[in-house]
Amino acid sequence: MTRSIPRIDAVLVQAVIAGALSFAHLHDLAAAAGQDGWKAWAYPVSVDLLLVAAWRRLRTLRTTGARTGAAWTWFAVALAASLGANVATAGLLDLNDVPDWLRILVAGWPALAFLGGTLLVHTPAAAEPAPVPAPAEPPADPALVPEQPVAEAVTSAEPVPALPAPAIEPESMHVPPALVDHARKVADAHRAQTGTPIDSDTLRDRLGLPAPMADQLAAQLA
């Protein structure tokens, strides 16, 4: 069983070397500016973290389409601090006699780095675009839609018995005067045609009245 030999990434090695040198230069500059002990080691960590945070925020804002001005600004600030320390410790600056303006810059860096990190964290990203509604489907062609079978009415083989009409007493029935006048015209026409008075059955068939009402009208017209 063969083991795969891990390959060394040249880019990663170069990044480690550059980061170590920059870290050392920032430490030496902070120590020369009066920041001794653990404070001199905290300065390079602060600068490198701000540089990495600005770069990550810049990539995030690019993917969402938001503005990247603030991220670029703080990335440039951290990069300037790192490059400045590298140049200052290259023999161009006497570390035994650091000027006052550089001491002020080193002393004010923690507040500046804190401000930059806070603004990077609270930089709003672009809002997600609203989903586009799906287009409505065109109405189907009626000629292509299959006809649905129509349910046929089921007819019963046995006839449904009719409900008996309620019994109505002739004495208690009220016949409207208009109906009486119309029944009288029908009765007169029947007498003129047949010579006999109209009976209740004929009156019921002519006017479509119930039997009790037809009987009462026939009695009134007799």
C-alpha atoms as a PDB file:
ATOM      1  CA  MET A   1       0.000   0.000   0.000  1.00  0.00           C
ATOM      2  CA  THR A   2       1.646   3.191  -1.186  1.00  0.00           C
ATOM      3  CA  ARG A   3       1.414   6.412   0.721  1.00  0.00           C
ATOM      4  CA  SER A   4       0.879   9.679  -1.111  1.00  0.00           C
ATOM      5  CA  ILE A   5       3.626  12.203  -0.420  1.00  0.00           C
ATOM      6  CA  PRO A   6       2.139  15.580   0.562  1.00  0.00           C
ATOM      7  CA  ARG A   7       3.124  18.364  -1.760  1.00  0.00           C
ATOM      8  CA  ILE A   8       4.346  21.639  -0.367  1.00  0.00           C
ATOM      9  CA  ASP A   9       2.369  24.622  -1.634  1.00  0.00           C
ATOM     10  CA  ALA A  10       4.839  27.316  -2.648  1.00  0.00           C
ATOM     11  CA  VAL A  11       2.218  30.037  -2.268  1.00  0.00           C
ATOM     12  CA  LEU A  12       1.454  28.966   1.299  1.00  0.00           C
ATOM     13  CA  VAL A  13       5.160  28.877   2.209  1.00  0.00           C
ATOM     14  CA  GLN A  14       5.641  32.333   0.739  1.00  0.00           C
ATOM     15  CA  ALA A  15       2.633  33.651   2.700  1.00  0.00           C
ATOM     16  CA  VAL A  16       4.000  32.228   5.950  1.00  0.00           C
ATOM     17  CA  ILE A  17       7.433  33.767   5.404  1.00  0.00           C
ATOM     18  CA  ALA A  18       6.011  37.166   4.455  1.00  0.00           C
ATOM     19  CA  GLY A  19       3.638  37.108   7.413  1.00  0.00           C
ATOM     20  CA  ALA A  20       6.444  36.228   9.838  1.00  0.00           C
ATOM     21  CA  LEU A  21       8.689  39.024   8.553  1.00  0.00           C
ATOM     22  CA  SER A  22       5.874  41.575   8.670  1.00  0.00           C
ATOM     23  CA  PHE A  23       4.966  40.392  12.165  1.00  0.00           C
ATOM     24  CA  ALA A  24       8.547  40.872  13.336  1.00  0.00           C
ATOM     25  CA  HIS A  25       8.850  44.331  11.785  1.00  0.00           C
ATOM     26  CA  LEU A  26       5.642  45.509  13.416  1.00  0.00           C
ATOM     27  CA  HIS A  27       6.824  44.169  16.762  1.00  0.00           C
ATOM     28  CA  ASP A  28      10.180  45.930  16.497  1.00  0.00           C
ATOM     29  CA  LEU A  29       8.544  49.208  15.507  1.00  0.00           C
ATOM     30  CA  ALA A  30       6.007  49.048  18.359  1.00  0.00           C
ATOM     31  CA  ALA A  31       8.763  48.239  20.852  1.00  0.00           C
ATOM     32  CA  ALA A  32      10.897  51.143  19.557  1.00  0.00           C
ATOM     33  CA  ALA A  33       7.890  53.479  19.939  1.00  0.00           C
ATOM     34  CA  GLY A  34       7.613  52.694  23.647  1.00  0.00           C
ATOM     35  CA  GLN A  35       5.206  49.751  23.585  1.00  0.00           C
ATOM     36  CA  ASP A  36       7.106  47.139  25.563  1.00  0.00           C
ATOM     37  CA  GLY A  37       6.202  43.680  26.800  1.00  0.00           C
ATOM     38  CA  TRP A  38       3.061  41.969  25.530  1.00  0.00           C
ATOM     39  CA  LYS A  39       1.835  45.212  23.945  1.00  0.00           C
ATOM     40  CA  ALA A  40       4.594  45.064  21.329  1.00  0.00           C
ATOM     41  CA  TRP A  41       3.391  41.567  20.319  1.00  0.00           C
ATOM     42  CA  ALA A  42      -0.267  42.654  20.186  1.00  0.00           C
ATOM     43  CA  TYR A  43       0.381  45.321  17.539  1.00  0.00           C
ATOM     44  CA  PRO A  44       1.300  42.978  14.660  1.00  0.00           C
ATOM     45  CA  VAL A  45      -1.644  40.713  15.541  1.00  0.00           C
ATOM     46  CA  SER A  46      -3.998  43.715  15.389  1.00  0.00           C
ATOM     47  CA  VAL A  47      -2.646  44.904  12.015  1.00  0.00           C
ATOM     48  CA  ASP A  48      -2.736  41.454  10.388  1.00  0.00           C
ATOM     49  CA  LEU A  49      -6.232  40.683  11.709  1.00  0.00           C
ATOM     50  CA  LEU A  50      -7.581  43.968  10.364  1.00  0.00           C
ATOM     51  CA  LEU A  51      -5.973  43.230   6.999  1.00  0.00           C
ATOM     52  CA  VAL A  52      -7.515  39.750   6.832  1.00  0.00           C
ATOM     53  CA  ALA A  53     -10.938  40.968   8.061  1.00  0.00           C
ATOM     54  CA  ALA A  54     -11.038  43.734   5.453  1.00  0.00           C
ATOM     55  CA  TRP A  55     -10.100  41.290   2.696  1.00  0.00           C
ATOM     56  CA  ARG A  56     -12.768  38.759   3.735  1.00  0.00           C
ATOM     57  CA  ARG A  57     -15.391  41.491   3.988  1.00  0.00           C
ATOM     58  CA  LEU A  58     -14.387  42.755   0.567  1.00  0.00           C
ATOM     59  CA  ARG A  59     -14.923  39.332  -0.986  1.00  0.00           C
ATOM     60  CA  THR A  60     -18.311  38.951   0.731  1.00  0.00           C
ATOM     61  CA  LEU A  61     -19.545  42.330  -0.489  1.00  0.00           C
ATOM     62  CA  ARG A  62     -18.426  41.531  -4.033  1.00  0.00           C
ATOM     63  CA  THR A  63     -20.477  38.333  -4.118  1.00  0.00           C
ATOM     64  CA  THR A  64     -23.611  40.139  -2.901  1.00  0.00           C
ATOM     65  CA  GLY A  65     -23.177  43.135  -5.183  1.00  0.00           C
ATOM     66  CA  ALA A  66     -22.936  45.686  -2.332  1.00  0.00           C
ATOM     67  CA  ARG A  67     -20.615  48.670  -2.210  1.00  0.00           C
ATOM     68  CA  THR A  68     -17.015  47.856  -1.271  1.00  0.00           C
ATOM     69  CA  GLY A  69     -15.717  51.366  -0.517  1.00  0.00           C
ATOM     70  CA  ALA A  70     -15.489  50.910   3.272  1.00  0.00           C
ATOM     71  CA  ALA A  71     -13.785  47.513   2.962  1.00  0.00           C
ATOM     72  CA  TRP A  72     -11.247  48.905   0.498  1.00  0.00           C
ATOM     73  CA  THR A  73     -10.526  51.829   2.852  1.00  0.00           C
ATOM     74  CA  TRP A  74      -9.720  49.684   5.878  1.00  0.00           C
ATOM     75  CA  PHE A  75      -7.790  47.206   3.762  1.00  0.00           C
ATOM     76  CA  ALA A  76      -5.603  50.100   2.561  1.00  0.00           C
ATOM     77  CA  VAL A  77      -5.152  51.368   6.146  1.00  0.00           C
ATOM     78  CA  ALA A  78      -3.975  47.964   7.417  1.00  0.00           C
ATOM     79  CA  LEU A  79      -1.755  47.461   4.360  1.00  0.00           C
ATOM     80  CA  ALA A  80      -0.173  50.906   4.863  1.00  0.00           C
ATOM     81  CA  ALA A  81       0.543  50.100   8.508  1.00  0.00           C
ATOM     82  CA  SER A  82       2.220  46.820   7.558  1.00  0.00           C
ATOM     83  CA  LEU A  83       4.242  48.323   4.703  1.00  0.00           C
ATOM     84  CA  GLY A  84       5.189  51.313   6.820  1.00  0.00           C
ATOM     85  CA  ALA A  85       6.616  49.072   9.524  1.00  0.00           C
ATOM     86  CA  ASN A  86       8.567  47.054   6.951  1.00  0.00           C
ATOM     87  CA  VAL A  87      10.073  50.178   5.402  1.00  0.00           C
ATOM     88  CA  ALA A  88      10.742  51.888   8.751  1.00  0.00           C
ATOM     89  CA  THR A  89      12.728  48.927  10.104  1.00  0.00           C
ATOM     90  CA  ALA A  90      14.812  48.589   6.912  1.00  0.00           C
ATOM     91  CA  GLY A  91      17.409  51.069   8.171  1.00  0.00           C
ATOM     92  CA  LEU A  92      15.592  54.251   7.111  1.00  0.00           C
ATOM     93  CA  LEU A  93      14.559  55.004  10.682  1.00  0.00           C
ATOM     94  CA  ASP A  94      16.690  55.077  13.827  1.00  0.00           C
ATOM     95  CA  LEU A  95      14.805  52.766  16.157  1.00  0.00           C
ATOM     96  CA  ASN A  96      16.771  54.148  19.092  1.00  0.00           C
ATOM     97  CA  ASP A  97      15.414  57.647  18.445  1.00  0.00           C
ATOM     98  CA  VAL A  98      11.832  57.328  17.147  1.00  0.00           C
ATOM     99  CA  PRO A  99      10.193  60.667  16.239  1.00  0.00           C
ATOM    100  CA  ASP A 100       7.219  61.880  18.228  1.00  0.00           C
ATOM    101  CA  TRP A 101       4.733  61.695  15.332  1.00  0.00           C
ATOM    102  CA  LEU A 102       5.483  57.980  14.930  1.00  0.00           C
ATOM    103  CA  ARG A 103       4.963  57.406  18.647  1.00  0.00           C
ATOM    104  CA  ILE A 104       1.585  59.142  18.310  1.00  0.00           C
ATOM    105  CA  LEU A 105       0.627  56.924  15.376  1.00  0.00           C
ATOM    106  CA  VAL A 106       1.607  53.750  17.217  1.00  0.00           C
ATOM    107  CA  ALA A 107      -0.239  54.816  20.375  1.00  0.00           C
ATOM    108  CA  GLY A 108      -3.380  55.700  18.415  1.00  0.00           C
ATOM    109  CA  TRP A 109      -3.435  52.490  16.346  1.00  0.00           C
ATOM    110  CA  PRO A 110      -5.557  50.385  18.782  1.00  0.00           C
ATOM    111  CA  ALA A 111      -8.438  52.861  18.642  1.00  0.00           C
ATOM    112  CA  LEU A 112      -8.163  53.084  14.857  1.00  0.00           C
ATOM    113  CA  ALA A 113      -8.107  49.286  14.477  1.00  0.00           C
ATOM    114  CA  PHE A 114     -11.099  48.925  16.802  1.00  0.00           C
ATOM    115  CA  LEU A 115     -13.056  51.476  14.769  1.00  0.00           C
ATOM    116  CA  GLY A 116     -12.206  49.730  11.513  1.00  0.00           C
ATOM    117  CA  GLY A 117     -13.183  46.290  12.783  1.00  0.00           C
ATOM    118  CA  THR A 118     -16.488  47.589  14.146  1.00  0.00           C
ATOM    119  CA  LEU A 119     -17.385  49.311  10.882  1.00  0.00           C
ATOM    120  CA  LEU A 120     -16.469  46.218   8.875  1.00  0.00           C
ATOM    121  CA  VAL A 121     -18.726  44.029  10.988  1.00  0.00           C
ATOM    122  CA  HIS A 122     -21.686  46.400  10.703  1.00  0.00           C
ATOM    123  CA  THR A 123     -21.330  47.147   6.988  1.00  0.00           C
ATOM    124  CA  PRO A 124     -24.725  46.228   5.470  1.00  0.00           C
ATOM    125  CA  ALA A 125     -24.699  43.766   2.619  1.00  0.00           C
ATOM    126  CA  ALA A 126     -26.872  44.146  -0.437  1.00  0.00           C
ATOM    127  CA  ALA A 127     -30.438  42.992  -0.041  1.00  0.00           C
ATOM    128  CA  GLU A 128     -31.324  39.789  -1.787  1.00  0.00           C
ATOM    129  CA  PRO A 129     -33.356  40.365  -4.944  1.00  0.00           C
ATOM    130  CA  ALA A 130     -37.008  39.552  -4.741  1.00  0.00           C
ATOM    131  CA  PRO A 131     -37.924  36.282  -6.439  1.00  0.00           C
ATOM    132  CA  VAL A 132     -39.318  36.733  -9.916  1.00  0.00           C
ATOM    133  CA  PRO A 133     -42.799  35.236 -10.180  1.00  0.00           C
ATOM    134  CA  ALA A 134     -43.160  32.413 -12.635  1.00  0.00           C
ATOM    135  CA  PRO A 135     -44.944  33.384 -15.858  1.00  0.00           C
ATOM    136  CA  ALA A 136     -48.555  32.385 -16.022  1.00  0.00           C
ATOM    137  CA  GLU A 137     -49.322  29.443 -18.244  1.00  0.00           C
ATOM    138  CA  PRO A 138     -51.282  30.328 -21.393  1.00  0.00           C
ATOM    139  CA  PRO A 139     -54.881  29.139 -21.447  1.00  0.00           C
ATOM    140  CA  ALA A 140     -55.303  25.760 -23.026  1.00  0.00           C
ATOM    141  CA  ASP A 141     -56.906  25.475 -26.438  1.00  0.00           C
ATOM    142  CA  PRO A 142     -60.516  24.340 -25.939  1.00  0.00           C
ATOM    143  CA  ALA A 143     -60.201  22.159 -29.018  1.00  0.00           C
ATOM    144  CA  LEU A 144     -57.342  20.199 -27.416  1.00  0.00           C
ATOM    145  CA  VAL A 145     -58.984  19.725 -24.026  1.00  0.00           C
ATOM    146  CA  PRO A 146     -60.656  16.301 -23.832  1.00  0.00           C
ATOM    147  CA  GLU A 147     -64.335  16.424 -23.145  1.00  0.00           C
ATOM    148  CA  GLN A 148     -65.328  15.320 -19.719  1.00  0.00           C
ATOM    149  CA  PRO A 149     -67.997  12.623 -19.616  1.00  0.00           C
ATOM    150  CA  VAL A 150     -71.354  13.995 -18.586  1.00  0.00           C
ATOM    151  CA  ALA A 151     -73.038  12.017 -15.904  1.00  0.00           C
ATOM    152  CA  GLU A 152     -76.414  10.813 -17.115  1.00  0.00           C
ATOM    153  CA  ALA A 153     -79.365  11.320 -14.878  1.00  0.00           C
ATOM    154  CA  VAL A 154     -80.492   8.103 -13.310  1.00  0.00           C
ATOM    155  CA  THR A 155     -84.199   7.707 -13.771  1.00  0.00           C
ATOM    156  CA  SER A 156     -86.037   5.555 -11.355  1.00  0.00           C
ATOM    157  CA  ALA A 157     -88.022   2.691 -12.839  1.00  0.00           C
ATOM    158  CA  GLU A 158     -90.777   3.148 -10.287  1.00  0.00           C
ATOM    159  CA  PRO A 159     -92.842   6.352 -10.451  1.00  0.00           C
ATOM    160  CA  VAL A 160     -92.638   8.626  -7.460  1.00  0.00           C
ATOM    161  CA  PRO A 161     -96.037   8.891  -5.836  1.00  0.00           C
ATOM    162  CA  ALA A 162     -97.443  12.397  -5.723  1.00  0.00           C
ATOM    163  CA  LEU A 163     -97.968  13.938  -2.354  1.00  0.00           C
ATOM    164  CA  PRO A 164    -101.603  14.438  -1.455  1.00  0.00           C
ATOM    165  CA  ALA A 165    -102.788  18.024  -1.582  1.00  0.00           C
ATOM    166  CA  PRO A 166    -103.723  19.448   1.785  1.00  0.00           C
ATOM    167  CA  ALA A 167    -107.401  19.537   2.432  1.00  0.00           C
ATOM    168  CA  ILE A 168    -108.772  23.094   2.364  1.00  0.00           C
ATOM    169  CA  GLU A 169    -112.202  23.905   3.571  1.00  0.00           C
ATOM    170  CA  PRO A 170    -114.205  25.944   0.993  1.00  0.00           C
ATOM    171  CA  GLU A 171    -115.661  28.121   3.737  1.00  0.00           C
ATOM    172  CA  SER A 172    -112.193  29.095   4.956  1.00  0.00           C
ATOM    173  CA  MET A 173    -110.778  29.869   1.494  1.00  0.00           C
ATOM    174  CA  HIS A 174    -110.475  33.476   0.393  1.00  0.00           C
ATOM    175  CA  VAL A 175    -110.861  34.002  -3.375  1.00  0.00           C
ATOM    176  CA  PRO A 176    -109.442  37.288  -4.698  1.00  0.00           C
ATOM    177  CA  PRO A 177    -111.973  39.509  -6.484  1.00  0.00           C
ATOM    178  CA  ALA A 178    -109.797  39.638  -9.608  1.00  0.00           C
ATOM    179  CA  LEU A 179    -109.928  35.839  -9.828  1.00  0.00           C
ATOM    180  CA  VAL A 180    -113.695  35.897  -9.388  1.00  0.00           C
ATOM    181  CA  ASP A 181    -114.036  38.369 -12.282  1.00  0.00           C
ATOM    182  CA  HIS A 182    -111.793  36.285 -14.514  1.00  0.00           C
ATOM    183  CA  ALA A 183    -113.706  33.110 -13.615  1.00  0.00           C
ATOM    184  CA  ARG A 184    -116.983  34.858 -14.434  1.00  0.00           C
ATOM    185  CA  LYS A 185    -115.690  35.739 -17.927  1.00  0.00           C
ATOM    186  CA  VAL A 186    -114.641  32.147 -18.465  1.00  0.00           C
ATOM    187  CA  ALA A 187    -118.051  30.917 -17.257  1.00  0.00           C
ATOM    188  CA  ASP A 188    -119.897  33.358 -19.562  1.00  0.00           C
ATOM    189  CA  ALA A 189    -117.826  32.227 -22.541  1.00  0.00           C
ATOM    190  CA  HIS A 190    -118.566  28.588 -21.676  1.00  0.00           C
ATOM    191  CA  ARG A 191    -122.304  29.282 -21.395  1.00  0.00           C
ATOM    192  CA  ALA A 192    -122.258  31.108 -24.758  1.00  0.00           C
ATOM    193  CA  GLN A 193    -120.538  28.172 -26.446  1.00  0.00           C
ATOM    194  CA  THR A 194    -122.362  25.256 -24.809  1.00  0.00           C
ATOM    195  CA  GLY A 195    -125.576  26.789 -23.495  1.00  0.00           C
ATOM    196  CA  THR A 196    -124.963  25.219 -20.080  1.00  0.00           C
ATOM    197  CA  PRO A 197    -123.418  26.697 -16.944  1.00  0.00           C
ATOM    198  CA  ILE A 198    -119.796  25.805 -16.258  1.00  0.00           C
ATOM    199  CA  ASP A 199    -119.144  23.143 -13.667  1.00  0.00           C
ATOM    200  CA  SER A 200    -116.363  23.038 -11.100  1.00  0.00           C
ATOM    201  CA  ASP A 201    -114.302  20.410 -12.992  1.00  0.00           C
ATOM    202  CA  THR A 202    -114.238  22.468 -16.197  1.00  0.00           C
ATOM    203  CA  LEU A 203    -113.439  25.634 -14.245  1.00  0.00           C
ATOM    204  CA  ARG A 204    -110.608  23.826 -12.477  1.00  0.00           C
ATOM    205  CA  ASP A 205    -109.145  22.643 -15.782  1.00  0.00           C
ATOM    206  CA  ARG A 206    -109.471  26.050 -17.458  1.00  0.00           C
ATOM    207  CA  LEU A 207    -107.914  28.069 -14.629  1.00  0.00           C
ATOM    208  CA  GLY A 208    -105.616  25.415 -13.113  1.00  0.00           C
ATOM    209  CA  LEU A 209    -107.114  25.835  -9.661  1.00  0.00           C
ATOM    210  CA  PRO A 210    -107.289  23.356  -6.782  1.00  0.00           C
ATOM    211  CA  ALA A 211    -110.558  21.519  -6.437  1.00  0.00           C
ATOM    212  CA  PRO A 212    -111.798  23.318  -3.295  1.00  0.00           C
ATOM    213  CA  MET A 213    -111.247  26.740  -4.869  1.00  0.00           C
ATOM    214  CA  ALA A 214    -112.867  25.646  -8.138  1.00  0.00           C
ATOM    215  CA  ASP A 215    -115.913  24.365  -6.208  1.00  0.00           C
ATOM    216  CA  GLN A 216    -116.226  27.646  -4.323  1.00  0.00           C
ATOM    217  CA  LEU A 217    -115.969  29.688  -7.560  1.00  0.00           C
ATOM    218  CA  ALA A 218    -118.537  27.472  -9.304  1.00  0.00           C
ATOM    219  CA  ALA A 219    -120.887  27.993  -6.389  1.00  0.00           C
ATOM    220  CA  GLN A 220    -120.463  31.782  -6.568  1.00  0.00           C
ATOM    221  CA  LEU A 221    -121.021  31.875 -10.339  1.00  0.00           C
ATOM    222  CA  ALA A 222    -124.107  29.620 -10.311  1.00  0.00           C
END
